[in-house]
Amino acid sequence: MNPTYTAVATSSGRESRAVTADGQLDIQLAFPKEMGGTGDGINPEQLFAAGWAACFATSLDRVAQARNLDAKDVAVTAEVSLVPADGRFALAAVLRIELPDHLGGETGKKLLEATEAVCPYSRAVQGNIAVEIVVE
């Protein structure tokens, strides 16, 4: 393996801090109120959602550029959920994609399919968690 980039972060759990090796991210983590926590911090699902939304939007823009399409006005909202599964938790996600009118219909559908195939986050979860893509 010859990585182009490696992110390094350290945490000791959901009720601690998460800090990246370069110091750019230093946040308090906390269980969400819905899970009996205080909600006074970020949780891993929020971090995953933010990363996935950014990655998918960037991947979509690159795929669009390769097809000579303008995707500047695209917005991606990732909703990452913890769902009960056999006495444990699993992840599930909804990606809400706001496409401008000129990227609607079949063009948008093909663009999203190609983006799913290249986005590292989408590829990482493919077949592992339930994912719904909603075009808005």
Protein backbone atom coordinates (compact mmCIF):
# COMPACT_ATOMS: atom_id res chain seq x y z
CA MET A 1 0.00 0.00 0.00
CA ASN A 2 1.37 3.37 -1.02
CA PRO A 3 -1.04 6.03 0.34
CA THR A 4 -1.30 9.48 -1.16
CA TYR A 5 -2.48 10.85 2.18
CA THR A 6 -3.07 9.43 5.65
CA ALA A 7 -5.20 11.12 8.31
CA VAL A 8 -4.20 10.30 11.88
CA ALA A 9 -6.50 10.92 14.85
CA THR A 10 -6.58 9.67 18.42
CA SER A 11 -9.49 9.26 20.82
CA SER A 12 -10.23 7.15 23.87
CA GLY A 13 -14.00 6.90 23.33
CA ARG A 14 -17.27 8.68 22.83
CA GLU A 15 -16.89 10.72 26.03
CA SER A 16 -13.41 12.09 25.35
CA ARG A 17 -11.55 14.29 22.93
CA ALA A 18 -10.60 13.47 19.37
CA VAL A 19 -7.38 15.04 18.17
CA THR A 20 -5.62 14.80 14.84
CA ALA A 21 -1.86 14.40 14.74
CA ASP A 22 -1.47 17.77 13.01
CA GLY A 23 -3.63 19.52 15.64
CA GLN A 24 -6.09 20.86 13.04
CA LEU A 25 -8.96 19.00 14.70
CA ASP A 26 -9.33 18.94 18.47
CA ILE A 27 -12.91 18.33 19.53
CA GLN A 28 -14.91 17.12 22.48
CA LEU A 29 -16.86 13.95 21.78
CA ALA A 30 -20.11 13.06 23.53
CA PHE A 31 -22.97 10.63 23.25
CA PRO A 32 -26.00 12.25 21.63
CA LYS A 33 -28.98 13.01 23.85
CA GLU A 34 -30.97 10.38 21.95
CA MET A 35 -28.58 7.76 23.36
CA GLY A 36 -28.68 9.04 26.93
CA GLY A 37 -25.72 11.39 26.63
CA THR A 38 -25.40 15.09 27.22
CA GLY A 39 -25.05 15.96 23.56
CA ASP A 40 -22.35 18.42 24.61
CA GLY A 41 -19.94 17.42 21.89
CA ILE A 42 -19.62 15.93 18.46
CA ASN A 43 -20.26 12.24 17.88
CA PRO A 44 -18.59 9.88 15.41
CA GLU A 45 -21.70 9.69 13.23
CA GLN A 46 -21.61 13.46 12.74
CA LEU A 47 -17.95 13.30 11.78
CA PHE A 48 -18.63 10.48 9.32
CA ALA A 49 -21.60 12.37 7.84
CA ALA A 50 -19.54 15.53 7.36
CA GLY A 51 -16.66 13.64 5.76
CA TRP A 52 -18.92 11.65 3.46
CA ALA A 53 -20.90 14.72 2.36
CA ALA A 54 -17.68 16.57 1.51
CA CYS A 55 -16.15 13.58 -0.25
CA PHE A 56 -19.28 12.83 -2.29
CA ALA A 57 -19.68 16.47 -3.33
CA THR A 58 -16.03 16.66 -4.40
CA SER A 59 -16.26 13.35 -6.27
CA LEU A 60 -19.46 14.50 -7.98
CA ASP A 61 -17.79 17.73 -9.10
CA ARG A 62 -14.82 15.83 -10.54
CA VAL A 63 -17.04 13.35 -12.37
CA ALA A 64 -19.09 16.26 -13.74
CA GLN A 65 -15.98 18.12 -14.90
CA ALA A 66 -14.77 15.00 -16.74
CA ARG A 67 -18.12 15.06 -18.59
CA ASN A 68 -17.94 18.80 -19.25
CA LEU A 69 -20.83 19.45 -16.87
CA ASP A 70 -21.12 22.26 -14.32
CA ALA A 71 -21.79 20.93 -10.82
CA LYS A 72 -20.87 24.06 -8.83
CA ASP A 73 -24.36 24.46 -7.38
CA VAL A 74 -24.60 20.91 -6.05
CA ALA A 75 -25.06 20.36 -2.31
CA VAL A 76 -24.79 17.04 -0.50
CA THR A 77 -26.30 16.34 2.91
CA ALA A 78 -25.36 13.04 4.54
CA GLU A 79 -27.58 11.61 7.27
CA VAL A 80 -25.79 8.83 9.14
CA SER A 81 -27.88 6.83 11.60
CA LEU A 82 -27.21 4.21 14.22
CA VAL A 83 -29.85 1.53 13.90
CA PRO A 84 -30.46 -1.46 16.19
CA ALA A 85 -29.34 -4.74 14.61
CA ASP A 86 -29.26 -8.08 16.45
CA GLY A 87 -28.57 -6.54 19.85
CA ARG A 88 -25.89 -4.25 18.41
CA PHE A 89 -25.86 -1.12 16.31
CA ALA A 90 -25.32 -0.81 12.58
CA LEU A 91 -24.97 2.23 10.38
CA ALA A 92 -27.48 3.35 7.77
CA ALA A 93 -27.32 6.45 5.63
CA VAL A 94 -29.29 8.76 3.41
CA LEU A 95 -27.46 11.03 0.99
CA ARG A 96 -29.60 13.99 -0.04
CA ILE A 97 -28.30 15.53 -3.24
CA GLU A 98 -29.45 18.94 -4.42
CA LEU A 99 -28.88 19.05 -8.17
CA PRO A 100 -29.44 22.12 -10.30
CA ASP A 101 -32.10 21.78 -13.00
CA HIS A 102 -29.56 21.28 -15.80
CA LEU A 103 -28.32 18.11 -14.04
CA GLY A 104 -31.76 16.55 -13.65
CA GLY A 105 -33.25 13.49 -15.26
CA GLU A 106 -31.07 10.86 -16.92
CA THR A 107 -27.98 13.11 -16.84
CA GLY A 108 -28.23 13.43 -13.06
CA LYS A 109 -28.91 9.72 -12.59
CA LYS A 110 -25.81 8.74 -14.57
CA LEU A 111 -23.74 11.37 -12.78
CA LEU A 112 -24.76 10.02 -9.37
CA GLU A 113 -24.08 6.41 -10.38
CA ALA A 114 -20.60 7.37 -11.57
CA THR A 115 -20.00 9.35 -8.38
CA GLU A 116 -20.95 6.37 -6.21
CA ALA A 117 -18.40 4.31 -8.11
CA VAL A 118 -15.53 6.74 -7.43
CA CYS A 119 -16.29 8.32 -4.02
CA PRO A 120 -14.01 6.57 -1.48
CA TYR A 121 -16.61 6.79 1.31
CA SER A 122 -19.37 5.34 -0.88
CA ARG A 123 -17.09 2.57 -2.07
CA ALA A 124 -16.05 1.78 1.52
CA VAL A 125 -19.62 1.24 2.70
CA GLN A 126 -20.95 -0.43 -0.45
CA GLY A 127 -22.67 -3.66 0.55
CA ASN A 128 -21.92 -3.00 4.24
CA ILE A 129 -24.65 -0.55 5.21
CA ALA A 130 -28.05 0.50 3.90
CA VAL A 131 -27.66 3.64 1.77
CA GLU A 132 -30.44 5.62 0.14
CA ILE A 133 -29.74 8.40 -2.33
CA VAL A 134 -32.42 11.05 -2.60
CA VAL A 135 -32.31 13.73 -5.27
CA GLU A 136 -33.90 16.96 -4.11
